[in-house]
Protein backbone atom coordinates (compact mmCIF):
# COMPACT_ATOMS: atom_id res chain seq x y z
CA MET A 1 1.80 -2.77 19.09
CA PRO A 2 1.76 -3.23 15.31
CA LEU A 3 5.15 -3.20 13.62
CA HIS A 4 3.96 -0.42 11.32
CA ILE A 5 4.29 2.19 14.06
CA PRO A 6 8.02 1.82 14.86
CA TRP A 7 8.77 1.28 11.17
CA MET A 8 6.93 4.50 10.22
CA LEU A 9 9.18 6.30 12.71
CA GLY A 10 12.28 4.75 11.13
CA ILE A 11 13.04 2.35 13.98
CA PRO A 12 14.22 -1.00 12.55
CA PHE A 13 12.48 -3.05 15.23
CA LEU A 14 12.76 -6.79 14.37
CA ALA A 15 14.36 -5.99 11.00
CA HIS A 16 17.87 -6.14 9.56
CA GLU A 17 19.13 -2.59 10.04
CA ALA A 18 21.02 -2.10 6.76
CA SER A 19 18.29 -3.49 4.49
CA PHE A 20 15.58 -1.69 6.49
CA ASP A 21 17.41 1.62 6.08
CA ALA A 22 17.74 1.11 2.31
CA TRP A 23 14.04 0.25 2.03
CA TYR A 24 12.89 3.04 4.36
CA HIS A 25 14.71 5.70 2.36
CA GLY A 26 13.77 4.22 -1.03
CA ARG A 27 17.28 3.10 -1.91
CA GLY A 28 16.38 -0.22 -3.57
CA ASN A 29 17.96 -1.52 -6.75
CA GLY A 30 17.47 0.87 -9.64
CA THR A 31 16.29 3.81 -7.51
CA GLU A 32 19.65 5.44 -6.87
CA SER A 33 18.78 8.41 -9.10
CA TYR A 34 15.56 9.28 -7.24
CA PRO A 35 15.57 12.17 -4.76
CA GLU A 36 16.71 11.08 -1.33
CA ASP A 37 14.30 13.15 0.72
CA GLY A 38 11.26 11.10 -0.39
CA ILE A 39 7.79 12.52 -0.99
CA LEU A 40 7.28 15.98 0.51
CA GLY A 41 10.29 15.34 2.74
CA ILE A 42 8.79 12.13 4.15
CA PRO A 43 10.86 8.98 3.50
CA ALA A 44 9.31 6.59 0.98
CA GLY A 45 8.95 3.77 3.52
CA ALA A 46 7.15 5.99 6.01
CA MET A 47 4.81 7.28 3.29
CA TYR A 48 4.02 3.73 2.15
CA LEU A 49 3.32 2.49 5.67
CA GLY A 50 1.25 5.57 6.52
CA VAL A 51 -0.97 5.14 3.45
CA LEU A 52 -1.23 1.40 4.09
CA THR A 53 -2.29 2.01 7.71
CA LEU A 54 -4.86 4.65 6.73
CA LEU A 55 -6.38 2.35 4.12
CA ALA A 56 -6.61 -0.48 6.67
CA VAL A 57 -8.35 1.81 9.19
CA LEU A 58 -10.72 3.08 6.50
CA GLY A 59 -11.57 -0.50 5.52
CA GLY A 60 -12.26 -1.36 9.15
CA ILE A 61 -14.53 1.65 9.64
CA LEU A 62 -16.46 0.90 6.45
CA SER A 63 -16.84 -2.73 7.53
CA LEU A 64 -18.23 -1.66 10.91
CA GLY A 65 -20.66 0.61 9.12
CA LEU A 66 -22.17 -2.40 7.35
CA ILE A 67 -23.32 -3.96 10.64
CA SER A 68 -24.08 -0.93 12.83
CA GLY A 69 -26.87 1.61 12.93
CA TRP A 70 -24.72 4.52 11.80
CA GLY A 71 -23.98 2.60 8.60
CA LEU A 72 -27.66 2.55 7.67
CA VAL A 73 -28.58 6.20 8.30
CA TYR A 74 -26.36 9.28 7.99
CA PRO A 75 -25.76 10.97 11.37
CA ARG A 76 -27.87 14.07 12.02
CA TRP A 77 -24.82 16.35 12.26
CA ILE A 78 -23.95 15.87 8.56
CA PRO A 79 -25.40 18.78 6.57
CA VAL A 80 -28.01 17.97 3.88
CA LEU A 81 -27.63 14.17 4.30
CA GLY A 82 -28.37 13.93 8.05
CA GLY A 83 -31.14 11.44 8.85
CA ARG A 84 -31.35 9.96 5.33
CA ARG A 85 -30.65 6.33 4.48
CA VAL A 86 -27.15 5.46 3.26
CA PRO A 87 -27.47 4.09 -0.28
CA PRO A 88 -26.13 0.52 -0.58
CA TRP A 89 -23.67 1.46 -3.32
CA PHE A 90 -21.89 3.98 -1.08
CA PRO A 91 -19.98 1.56 1.19
CA LEU A 92 -19.57 -0.99 -1.61
CA THR A 93 -17.91 1.39 -4.08
CA PRO A 94 -14.45 1.45 -2.38
CA THR A 95 -14.58 -2.33 -2.02
CA ILE A 96 -15.39 -2.91 -5.67
CA LEU A 97 -12.81 -0.38 -6.87
CA GLY A 98 -10.11 -1.91 -4.67
CA SER A 99 -10.97 -5.40 -5.89
CA VAL A 100 -10.90 -4.34 -9.54
CA LEU A 101 -7.51 -2.66 -9.05
CA LEU A 102 -6.00 -5.70 -7.32
CA VAL A 103 -7.36 -8.15 -9.92
CA GLY A 104 -6.11 -5.90 -12.74
CA TYR A 105 -2.68 -5.67 -11.14
CA SER A 106 -2.57 -9.43 -10.64
CA LEU A 107 -3.43 -10.05 -14.29
CA THR A 108 -0.49 -7.90 -15.42
CA LEU A 109 2.06 -9.85 -13.35
CA PRO A 110 2.70 -12.66 -15.88
CA VAL A 111 3.42 -10.07 -18.57
CA ARG A 112 5.60 -7.95 -16.29
CA ILE A 113 7.56 -10.96 -15.02
CA SER A 114 8.23 -12.14 -18.56
CA LEU A 115 9.67 -8.71 -19.43
CA VAL A 116 12.29 -8.87 -16.67
CA PRO A 117 15.62 -9.53 -18.34
CA SER A 118 17.16 -12.83 -17.37
CA PRO A 119 20.75 -12.88 -16.15
CA ARG A 120 23.26 -13.55 -18.88
CA ARG A 121 24.99 -16.87 -18.77
CA VAL A 122 28.70 -16.76 -19.22
CA ARG A 123 30.06 -19.63 -21.20
CA THR A 124 33.62 -20.60 -20.65
CA ILE A 125 35.49 -21.97 -23.59
CA ARG A 126 37.85 -24.71 -22.66
CA SER A 127 40.55 -25.97 -24.89
CA PRO A 128 41.73 -29.57 -24.76
């Protein structure tokens, strides 16, 4: 059983309970002013894991479509498109968009990390 399932339900299976609870309800550093009920009443951690799981399943289905018959021709039950060939750009578009987004995000990391304020050093003055 993937760990996403108990975590989506708010069960801290194989996790430190206090830090899991803070993460699950979106109570990390600097987020204390955000609403506590999450997005549409769903805790932030559950929403994140749900979207992550759906994207993983979608990626798996699209990958299977590249090597199976139903990935080459639209099924007959789909109106207007049934029986026609699937254009090659159709399954590749989500892959290319996801890659561009991840590369773009990765390129911004050096700039974002440099903008994080460094902790102030306290100098103690000692007299002889």
